[in-house]
Structures are given as C-alpha cells and as structure tokens.
C-alpha cells in the first residue's frame, strides 16, 4: 500500500507555505498562470500559514513530520521536500 504523502515547502510571492499532502504532482498538472492551476494551488496551499523566513518554514515542516510520526498511521512516504516556487493563486 502506498501513502503517496509528504510534507512540502513551497515558495510563493508572499512567502513560504508548508503543507502535508498527497499527490503533490497535481500542482504542476495545468500550465503556469492558468485559472485551473491557480485553483489547484489554492486547494493545496490556500489554508497554509505564510512564513516570511525559510528557517521558520523548515521548523514548521519538521513539526508536521513529527506529528505524523506520532500518529496512529506514522508513514511519511516522501519525507520533507522543498518543491520550489510558484505564482500567486489569489
């Protein structure tokens, strides 16, 4: 069985966002700047806290990973990854 999950740090024009998600490759499915891609980015990252400092974003990523490791289903298949920069979705 595959979890297909990870904790992901992404860079946006307003700062860094950290999420725990599955199927992260979906954020790159649509062309950059398209309304479909912006919706996908918002679906994945829209509720994530914005960090101005990369070190704080990394701390949040490790905190999320620790929470997963302490859960009843402690599998984090892809670990913590910085997935690069994206356009604004707002």
PDB file of N, CA and C in Angstrom:
ATOM      1  N   UNK A   1       0.843  -1.174   0.000  1.00  0.00           N
ATOM      2  CA  UNK A   1       0.000   0.000   0.000  1.00  0.00           C
ATOM      3  C   UNK A   1       0.887   1.236   0.000  1.00  0.00           C
ATOM      4  N   UNK A   2       0.509   2.221  -0.784  1.00  0.00           N
ATOM      5  CA  UNK A   2       1.277   3.451  -0.894  1.00  0.00           C
ATOM      6  C   UNK A   2       0.558   4.596  -0.196  1.00  0.00           C
ATOM      7  N   UNK A   3       1.322   5.381   0.526  1.00  0.00           N
ATOM      8  CA  UNK A   3       0.756   6.573   1.167  1.00  0.00           C
ATOM      9  C   UNK A   3       0.803   7.765   0.241  1.00  0.00           C
ATOM     10  N   UNK A   4       1.841   7.837  -0.602  1.00  0.00           N
ATOM     11  CA  UNK A   4       1.994   8.921  -1.560  1.00  0.00           C
ATOM     12  C   UNK A   4       1.871  10.281  -0.882  1.00  0.00           C
ATOM     13  N   UNK A   5       2.455  10.423   0.295  1.00  0.00           N
ATOM     14  CA  UNK A   5       2.325  11.675   1.021  1.00  0.00           C
ATOM     15  C   UNK A   5       3.687  12.231   1.408  1.00  0.00           C
ATOM     16  N   UNK A   6       3.689  13.497   1.754  1.00  0.00           N
ATOM     17  CA  UNK A   6       4.895  14.159   2.206  1.00  0.00           C
ATOM     18  C   UNK A   6       4.550  15.486   2.844  1.00  0.00           C
ATOM     19  N   UNK A   7       5.566  16.113   3.410  1.00  0.00           N
ATOM     20  CA  UNK A   7       5.441  17.476   3.908  1.00  0.00           C
ATOM     21  C   UNK A   7       6.210  18.341   2.920  1.00  0.00           C
ATOM     22  N   UNK A   8       5.545  19.355   2.401  1.00  0.00           N
ATOM     23  CA  UNK A   8       6.096  20.138   1.300  1.00  0.00           C
ATOM     24  C   UNK A   8       6.208  21.615   1.664  1.00  0.00           C
ATOM     25  N   UNK A   9       7.375  22.173   1.344  1.00  0.00           N
ATOM     26  CA  UNK A   9       7.615  23.603   1.497  1.00  0.00           C
ATOM     27  C   UNK A   9       7.611  24.201   0.097  1.00  0.00           C
ATOM     28  N   UNK A  10       6.797  25.227  -0.105  1.00  0.00           N
ATOM     29  CA  UNK A  10       6.731  25.892  -1.402  1.00  0.00           C
ATOM     30  C   UNK A  10       6.924  27.397  -1.213  1.00  0.00           C
ATOM     31  N   UNK A  11       7.544  28.009  -2.195  1.00  0.00           N
ATOM     32  CA  UNK A  11       7.785  29.448  -2.180  1.00  0.00           C
ATOM     33  C   UNK A  11       6.743  30.138  -3.054  1.00  0.00           C
ATOM     34  N   UNK A  12       6.122  31.162  -2.484  1.00  0.00           N
ATOM     35  CA  UNK A  12       5.151  31.982  -3.194  1.00  0.00           C
ATOM     36  C   UNK A  12       5.584  33.433  -3.083  1.00  0.00           C
ATOM     37  N   UNK A  13       5.031  34.321  -3.899  1.00  0.00           N
ATOM     38  CA  UNK A  13       5.433  35.726  -3.831  1.00  0.00           C
ATOM     39  C   UNK A  13       5.278  36.348  -2.439  1.00  0.00           C
ATOM     40  N   UNK A  14       4.331  35.848  -1.650  1.00  0.00           N
ATOM     41  CA  UNK A  14       4.113  36.411  -0.318  1.00  0.00           C
ATOM     42  C   UNK A  14       4.887  35.688   0.783  1.00  0.00           C
ATOM     43  N   UNK A  15       5.610  34.616   0.462  1.00  0.00           N
ATOM     44  CA  UNK A  15       6.396  33.900   1.463  1.00  0.00           C
ATOM     45  C   UNK A  15       6.382  32.398   1.236  1.00  0.00           C
ATOM     46  N   UNK A  16       6.708  31.663   2.281  1.00  0.00           N
ATOM     47  CA  UNK A  16       6.785  30.204   2.221  1.00  0.00           C
ATOM     48  C   UNK A  16       5.553  29.593   2.871  1.00  0.00           C
ATOM     49  N   UNK A  17       5.078  28.510   2.294  1.00  0.00           N
ATOM     50  CA  UNK A  17       3.936  27.787   2.845  1.00  0.00           C
ATOM     51  C   UNK A  17       4.318  26.327   3.011  1.00  0.00           C
ATOM     52  N   UNK A  18       3.797  25.708   4.063  1.00  0.00           N
ATOM     53  CA  UNK A  18       4.127  24.318   4.401  1.00  0.00           C
ATOM     54  C   UNK A  18       2.841  23.522   4.522  1.00  0.00           C
ATOM     55  N   UNK A  19       2.798  22.380   3.840  1.00  0.00           N
ATOM     56  CA  UNK A  19       1.609  21.529   3.913  1.00  0.00           C
ATOM     57  C   UNK A  19       2.018  20.064   4.034  1.00  0.00           C
ATOM     58  N   UNK A  20       1.090  19.271   4.533  1.00  0.00           N
ATOM     59  CA  UNK A  20       1.163  17.814   4.454  1.00  0.00           C
ATOM     60  C   UNK A  20       0.115  17.438   3.422  1.00  0.00           C
ATOM     61  N   UNK A  21       0.519  16.718   2.375  1.00  0.00           N
ATOM     62  CA  UNK A  21      -0.418  16.416   1.296  1.00  0.00           C
ATOM     63  C   UNK A  21      -0.052  15.119   0.591  1.00  0.00           C
ATOM     64  N   UNK A  22      -1.013  14.649  -0.184  1.00  0.00           N
ATOM     65  CA  UNK A  22      -0.811  13.521  -1.077  1.00  0.00           C
ATOM     66  C   UNK A  22      -0.882  14.035  -2.514  1.00  0.00           C
ATOM     67  N   UNK A  23      -0.296  13.289  -3.431  1.00  0.00           N
ATOM     68  CA  UNK A  23      -0.367  13.591  -4.875  1.00  0.00           C
ATOM     69  C   UNK A  23       0.047  15.028  -5.186  1.00  0.00           C
ATOM     70  N   UNK A  24       1.172  15.450  -4.642  1.00  0.00           N
ATOM     71  CA  UNK A  24       1.622  16.834  -4.826  1.00  0.00           C
ATOM     72  C   UNK A  24       1.902  17.164  -6.296  1.00  0.00           C
ATOM     73  N   UNK A  25       2.146  16.143  -7.106  1.00  0.00           N
ATOM     74  CA  UNK A  25       2.412  16.395  -8.527  1.00  0.00           C
ATOM     75  C   UNK A  25       1.223  17.058  -9.223  1.00  0.00           C
ATOM     76  N   UNK A  26       0.055  17.005  -8.624  1.00  0.00           N
ATOM     77  CA  UNK A  26      -1.126  17.650  -9.201  1.00  0.00           C
ATOM     78  C   UNK A  26      -0.949  19.159  -9.364  1.00  0.00           C
ATOM     79  N   UNK A  27      -0.118  19.785  -8.523  1.00  0.00           N
ATOM     80  CA  UNK A  27       0.029  21.240  -8.620  1.00  0.00           C
ATOM     81  C   UNK A  27       0.694  21.669  -9.921  1.00  0.00           C
ATOM     82  N   UNK A  28       1.376  20.754 -10.583  1.00  0.00           N
ATOM     83  CA  UNK A  28       2.034  21.077 -11.852  1.00  0.00           C
ATOM     84  C   UNK A  28       1.284  20.553 -13.070  1.00  0.00           C
ATOM     85  N   UNK A  29       0.094  20.050 -12.891  1.00  0.00           N
ATOM     86  CA  UNK A  29      -0.643  19.450 -13.999  1.00  0.00           C
ATOM     87  C   UNK A  29      -1.051  20.478 -15.055  1.00  0.00           C
ATOM     88  N   UNK A  30      -1.562  21.615 -14.593  1.00  0.00           N
ATOM     89  CA  UNK A  30      -2.042  22.642 -15.526  1.00  0.00           C
ATOM     90  C   UNK A  30      -0.928  23.650 -15.831  1.00  0.00           C
ATOM     91  N   UNK A  31      -1.026  24.365 -16.948  1.00  0.00           N
ATOM     92  CA  UNK A  31       0.005  25.353 -17.311  1.00  0.00           C
ATOM     93  C   UNK A  31       0.104  26.479 -16.284  1.00  0.00           C
ATOM     94  N   UNK A  32       1.316  26.937 -16.081  1.00  0.00           N
ATOM     95  CA  UNK A  32       1.563  28.041 -15.160  1.00  0.00           C
ATOM     96  C   UNK A  32       0.710  29.248 -15.551  1.00  0.00           C
ATOM     97  N   UNK A  33       0.080  29.858 -14.550  1.00  0.00           N
ATOM     98  CA  UNK A  33      -0.744  31.041 -14.769  1.00  0.00           C
ATOM     99  C   UNK A  33      -2.188  30.763 -15.141  1.00  0.00           C
ATOM    100  N   UNK A  34      -2.520  29.514 -15.475  1.00  0.00           N
ATOM    101  CA  UNK A  34      -3.900  29.204 -15.859  1.00  0.00           C
ATOM    102  C   UNK A  34      -4.811  29.237 -14.633  1.00  0.00           C
ATOM    103  N   UNK A  35      -6.098  29.477 -14.881  1.00  0.00           N
ATOM    104  CA  UNK A  35      -7.042  29.515 -13.759  1.00  0.00           C
ATOM    105  C   UNK A  35      -7.154  28.154 -13.093  1.00  0.00           C
ATOM    106  N   UNK A  36      -6.973  27.079 -13.852  1.00  0.00           N
ATOM    107  CA  UNK A  36      -7.041  25.729 -13.273  1.00  0.00           C
ATOM    108  C   UNK A  36      -5.861  25.480 -12.320  1.00  0.00           C
ATOM    109  N   UNK A  37      -4.676  25.942 -12.728  1.00  0.00           N
ATOM    110  CA  UNK A  37      -3.510  25.774 -11.853  1.00  0.00           C
ATOM    111  C   UNK A  37      -3.650  26.618 -10.598  1.00  0.00           C
ATOM    112  N   UNK A  38      -4.126  27.848 -10.745  1.00  0.00           N
ATOM    113  CA  UNK A  38      -4.308  28.700  -9.565  1.00  0.00           C
ATOM    114  C   UNK A  38      -5.299  28.077  -8.591  1.00  0.00           C
ATOM    115  N   UNK A  39      -6.349  27.461  -9.126  1.00  0.00           N
ATOM    116  CA  UNK A  39      -7.309  26.778  -8.264  1.00  0.00           C
ATOM    117  C   UNK A  39      -6.650  25.597  -7.558  1.00  0.00           C
ATOM    118  N   UNK A  40      -5.836  24.839  -8.290  1.00  0.00           N
ATOM    119  CA  UNK A  40      -5.144  23.696  -7.701  1.00  0.00           C
ATOM    120  C   UNK A  40      -4.191  24.158  -6.595  1.00  0.00           C
ATOM    121  N   UNK A  41      -3.426  25.217  -6.861  1.00  0.00           N
ATOM    122  CA  UNK A  41      -2.517  25.750  -5.848  1.00  0.00           C
ATOM    123  C   UNK A  41      -3.278  26.216  -4.612  1.00  0.00           C
ATOM    124  N   UNK A  42      -4.419  26.869  -4.849  1.00  0.00           N
ATOM    125  CA  UNK A  42      -5.230  27.338  -3.718  1.00  0.00           C
ATOM    126  C   UNK A  42      -5.791  26.153  -2.935  1.00  0.00           C
ATOM    127  N   UNK A  43      -6.224  25.107  -3.646  1.00  0.00           N
ATOM    128  CA  UNK A  43      -6.742  23.914  -2.969  1.00  0.00           C
ATOM    129  C   UNK A  43      -5.681  23.294  -2.062  1.00  0.00           C
ATOM    130  N   UNK A  44      -4.458  23.247  -2.531  1.00  0.00           N
ATOM    131  CA  UNK A  44      -3.376  22.646  -1.747  1.00  0.00           C
ATOM    132  C   UNK A  44      -2.820  23.592  -0.680  1.00  0.00           C
ATOM    133  N   UNK A  45      -2.558  24.841  -1.038  1.00  0.00           N
ATOM    134  CA  UNK A  45      -1.806  25.737  -0.162  1.00  0.00           C
ATOM    135  C   UNK A  45      -2.620  26.888   0.426  1.00  0.00           C
ATOM    136  N   UNK A  46      -3.879  27.029   0.045  1.00  0.00           N
ATOM    137  CA  UNK A  46      -4.672  28.190   0.440  1.00  0.00           C
ATOM    138  C   UNK A  46      -4.868  28.380   1.927  1.00  0.00           C
ATOM    139  N   UNK A  47      -4.872  27.311   2.680  1.00  0.00           N
ATOM    140  CA  UNK A  47      -5.096  27.418   4.133  1.00  0.00           C
ATOM    141  C   UNK A  47      -3.797  27.395   4.938  1.00  0.00           C
ATOM    142  N   UNK A  48      -2.680  27.242   4.248  1.00  0.00           N
ATOM    143  CA  UNK A  48      -1.387  27.148   4.932  1.00  0.00           C
ATOM    144  C   UNK A  48      -0.938  28.516   5.433  1.00  0.00           C
ATOM    145  N   UNK A  49      -0.330  28.514   6.593  1.00  0.00           N
ATOM    146  CA  UNK A  49       0.245  29.728   7.154  1.00  0.00           C
ATOM    147  C   UNK A  49       1.393  30.192   6.266  1.00  0.00           C
ATOM    148  N   UNK A  50       1.544  31.510   6.130  1.00  0.00           N
ATOM    149  CA  UNK A  50       2.625  32.084   5.338  1.00  0.00           C
ATOM    150  C   UNK A  50       3.772  32.451   6.271  1.00  0.00           C
ATOM    151  N   UNK A  51       4.965  31.978   5.921  1.00  0.00           N
ATOM    152  CA  UNK A  51       6.171  32.288   6.673  1.00  0.00           C
ATOM    153  C   UNK A  51       7.052  33.193   5.820  1.00  0.00           C
ATOM    154  N   UNK A  52       7.545  34.265   6.391  1.00  0.00           N
ATOM    155  CA  UNK A  52       8.450  35.166   5.670  1.00  0.00           C
ATOM    156  C   UNK A  52       9.880  34.632   5.691  1.00  0.00           C
ATOM    157  N   UNK A  53      10.192  33.807   6.670  1.00  0.00           N
ATOM    158  CA  UNK A  53      11.537  33.292   6.877  1.00  0.00           C
ATOM    159  C   UNK A  53      11.595  31.800   6.544  1.00  0.00           C
ATOM    160  N   UNK A  54      12.537  31.403   5.696  1.00  0.00           N
ATOM    161  CA  UNK A  54      12.646  29.997   5.294  1.00  0.00           C
ATOM    162  C   UNK A  54      12.932  29.085   6.491  1.00  0.00           C
ATOM    163  N   UNK A  55      13.748  29.538   7.427  1.00  0.00           N
ATOM    164  CA  UNK A  55      14.071  28.705   8.600  1.00  0.00           C
ATOM    165  C   UNK A  55      12.810  28.410   9.419  1.00  0.00           C
ATOM    166  N   UNK A  56      11.920  29.372   9.538  1.00  0.00           N
ATOM    167  CA  UNK A  56      10.653  29.151  10.254  1.00  0.00           C
ATOM    168  C   UNK A  56       9.778  28.156   9.498  1.00  0.00           C
ATOM    169  N   UNK A  57       9.792  28.246   8.176  1.00  0.00           N
ATOM    170  CA  UNK A  57       9.036  27.283   7.362  1.00  0.00           C
ATOM    171  C   UNK A  57       9.591  25.873   7.564  1.00  0.00           C
ATOM    172  N   UNK A  58      10.910  25.733   7.602  1.00  0.00           N
ATOM    173  CA  UNK A  58      11.516  24.424   7.855  1.00  0.00           C
ATOM    174  C   UNK A  58      11.130  23.892   9.232  1.00  0.00           C
ATOM    175  N   UNK A  59      11.124  24.752  10.230  1.00  0.00           N
ATOM    176  CA  UNK A  59      10.707  24.336  11.578  1.00  0.00           C
ATOM    177  C   UNK A  59       9.276  23.801  11.545  1.00  0.00           C
ATOM    178  N   UNK A  60       8.399  24.480  10.826  1.00  0.00           N
ATOM    179  CA  UNK A  60       7.006  24.037  10.694  1.00  0.00           C
ATOM    180  C   UNK A  60       6.931  22.688   9.989  1.00  0.00           C
ATOM    181  N   UNK A  61       7.757  22.500   8.964  1.00  0.00           N
ATOM    182  CA  UNK A  61       7.780  21.230   8.228  1.00  0.00           C
ATOM    183  C   UNK A  61       8.187  20.085   9.168  1.00  0.00           C
ATOM    184  N   UNK A  62       9.214  20.285   9.964  1.00  0.00           N
ATOM    185  CA  UNK A  62       9.648  19.242  10.892  1.00  0.00           C
ATOM    186  C   UNK A  62       8.593  18.987  11.972  1.00  0.00           C
ATOM    187  N   UNK A  63       7.903  20.040  12.396  1.00  0.00           N
ATOM    188  CA  UNK A  63       6.815  19.876  13.372  1.00  0.00           C
ATOM    189  C   UNK A  63       5.705  19.007  12.782  1.00  0.00           C
ATOM    190  N   UNK A  64       5.324  19.294  11.543  1.00  0.00           N
ATOM    191  CA  UNK A  64       4.284  18.484  10.889  1.00  0.00           C
ATOM    192  C   UNK A  64       4.742  17.037  10.732  1.00  0.00           C
ATOM    193  N   UNK A  65       5.985  16.827  10.352  1.00  0.00           N
ATOM    194  CA  UNK A  65       6.512  15.469  10.201  1.00  0.00           C
ATOM    195  C   UNK A  65       6.493  14.727  11.536  1.00  0.00           C
ATOM    196  N   UNK A  66       6.860  15.410  12.612  1.00  0.00           N
ATOM    197  CA  UNK A  66       6.822  14.791  13.948  1.00  0.00           C
ATOM    198  C   UNK A  66       5.399  14.404  14.338  1.00  0.00           C
ATOM    199  N   UNK A  67       4.432  15.256  14.013  1.00  0.00           N
ATOM    200  CA  UNK A  67       3.028  14.942  14.316  1.00  0.00           C
ATOM    201  C   UNK A  67       2.577  13.690  13.572  1.00  0.00           C
ATOM    202  N   UNK A  68       3.007  13.555  12.339  1.00  0.00           N
ATOM    203  CA  UNK A  68       2.650  12.361  11.553  1.00  0.00           C
ATOM    204  C   UNK A  68       3.320  11.130  12.148  1.00  0.00           C
ATOM    205  N   UNK A  69       4.589  11.265  12.494  1.00  0.00           N
ATOM    206  CA  UNK A  69       5.317  10.136  13.074  1.00  0.00           C
ATOM    207  C   UNK A  69       4.740   9.694  14.409  1.00  0.00           C
ATOM    208  N   UNK A  70       4.093  10.602  15.127  1.00  0.00           N
ATOM    209  CA  UNK A  70       3.481  10.280  16.420  1.00  0.00           C
ATOM    210  C   UNK A  70       2.028   9.830  16.283  1.00  0.00           C
ATOM    211  N   UNK A  71       1.511   9.762  15.077  1.00  0.00           N
ATOM    212  CA  UNK A  71       0.104   9.409  14.860  1.00  0.00           C
ATOM    213  C   UNK A  71      -0.081   7.897  14.801  1.00  0.00           C
ATOM    214  N   UNK A  72      -1.333   7.482  14.646  1.00  0.00           N
ATOM    215  CA  UNK A  72      -1.655   6.054  14.532  1.00  0.00           C
ATOM    216  C   UNK A  72      -1.220   5.474  13.195  1.00  0.00           C
ATOM    217  N   UNK A  73      -0.949   6.324  12.217  1.00  0.00           N
ATOM    218  CA  UNK A  73      -0.518   5.880  10.883  1.00  0.00           C
ATOM    219  C   UNK A  73       0.755   6.643  10.520  1.00  0.00           C
ATOM    220  N   UNK A  74       1.871   6.267  11.127  1.00  0.00           N
ATOM    221  CA  UNK A  74       3.107   7.064  11.022  1.00  0.00           C
ATOM    222  C   UNK A  74       3.920   6.830   9.752  1.00  0.00           C
ATOM    223  N   UNK A  75       3.303   7.060   8.606  1.00  0.00           N
ATOM    224  CA  UNK A  75       4.019   6.888   7.350  1.00  0.00           C
ATOM    225  C   UNK A  75       4.086   8.230   6.633  1.00  0.00           C
ATOM    226  N   UNK A  76       5.299   8.629   6.317  1.00  0.00           N
ATOM    227  CA  UNK A  76       5.542   9.844   5.555  1.00  0.00           C
ATOM    228  C   UNK A  76       6.435   9.431   4.392  1.00  0.00           C
ATOM    229  N   UNK A  77       5.789   8.975   3.323  1.00  0.00           N
ATOM    230  CA  UNK A  77       6.490   8.306   2.233  1.00  0.00           C
ATOM    231  C   UNK A  77       7.570   9.164   1.576  1.00  0.00           C
ATOM    232  N   UNK A  78       7.296  10.434   1.333  1.00  0.00           N
ATOM    233  CA  UNK A  78       8.257  11.283   0.635  1.00  0.00           C
ATOM    234  C   UNK A  78       8.984  12.262   1.550  1.00  0.00           C
ATOM    235  N   UNK A  79       8.814  12.120   2.852  1.00  0.00           N
ATOM    236  CA  UNK A  79       9.544  12.959   3.791  1.00  0.00           C
ATOM    237  C   UNK A  79       9.200  14.423   3.657  1.00  0.00           C
ATOM    238  N   UNK A  80      10.197  15.247   3.927  1.00  0.00           N
ATOM    239  CA  UNK A  80      10.056  16.698   3.811  1.00  0.00           C
ATOM    240  C   UNK A  80      10.784  17.129   2.546  1.00  0.00           C
ATOM    241  N   UNK A  81      10.093  17.905   1.704  1.00  0.00           N
ATOM    242  CA  UNK A  81      10.695  18.351   0.449  1.00  0.00           C
ATOM    243  C   UNK A  81      10.398  19.821   0.189  1.00  0.00           C
ATOM    244  N   UNK A  82      11.393  20.515  -0.336  1.00  0.00           N
ATOM    245  CA  UNK A  82      11.197  21.872  -0.847  1.00  0.00           C
ATOM    246  C   UNK A  82      10.865  21.697  -2.327  1.00  0.00           C
ATOM    247  N   UNK A  83       9.675  22.096  -2.717  1.00  0.00           N
ATOM    248  CA  UNK A  83       9.245  21.857  -4.095  1.00  0.00           C
ATOM    249  C   UNK A  83       9.369  23.110  -4.980  1.00  0.00           C
ATOM    250  N   UNK A  84      10.036  24.120  -4.503  1.00  0.00           N
ATOM    251  CA  UNK A  84      10.331  25.278  -5.343  1.00  0.00           C
ATOM    252  C   UNK A  84       9.286  26.366  -5.304  1.00  0.00           C
ATOM    253  N   UNK A  85       9.324  27.216  -6.322  1.00  0.00           N
ATOM    254  CA  UNK A  85       8.495  28.402  -6.350  1.00  0.00           C
ATOM    255  C   UNK A  85       7.301  28.297  -7.276  1.00  0.00           C
ATOM    256  N   UNK A  86       6.264  29.028  -6.900  1.00  0.00           N
ATOM    257  CA  UNK A  86       5.012  29.043  -7.654  1.00  0.00           C
ATOM    258  C   UNK A  86       4.475  30.470  -7.713  1.00  0.00           C
ATOM    259  N   UNK A  87       3.619  30.708  -8.689  1.00  0.00           N
ATOM    260  CA  UNK A  87       2.981  32.007  -8.812  1.00  0.00           C
ATOM    261  C   UNK A  87       1.894  32.169  -7.753  1.00  0.00           C
ATOM    262  N   UNK A  88       1.460  33.393  -7.568  1.00  0.00           N
ATOM    263  CA  UNK A  88       0.360  33.665  -6.650  1.00  0.00           C
ATOM    264  C   UNK A  88      -0.918  33.012  -7.152  1.00  0.00           C
ATOM    265  N   UNK A  89      -1.744  32.573  -6.229  1.00  0.00           N
ATOM    266  CA  UNK A  89      -3.009  31.951  -6.617  1.00  0.00           C
ATOM    267  C   UNK A  89      -4.200  32.799  -6.209  1.00  0.00           C
ATOM    268  N   UNK A  90      -3.944  33.949  -5.628  1.00  0.00           N
ATOM    269  CA  UNK A  90      -5.015  34.801  -5.117  1.00  0.00           C
ATOM    270  C   UNK A  90      -5.733  35.614  -6.129  1.00  0.00           C
TER     271      UNK A  90
END
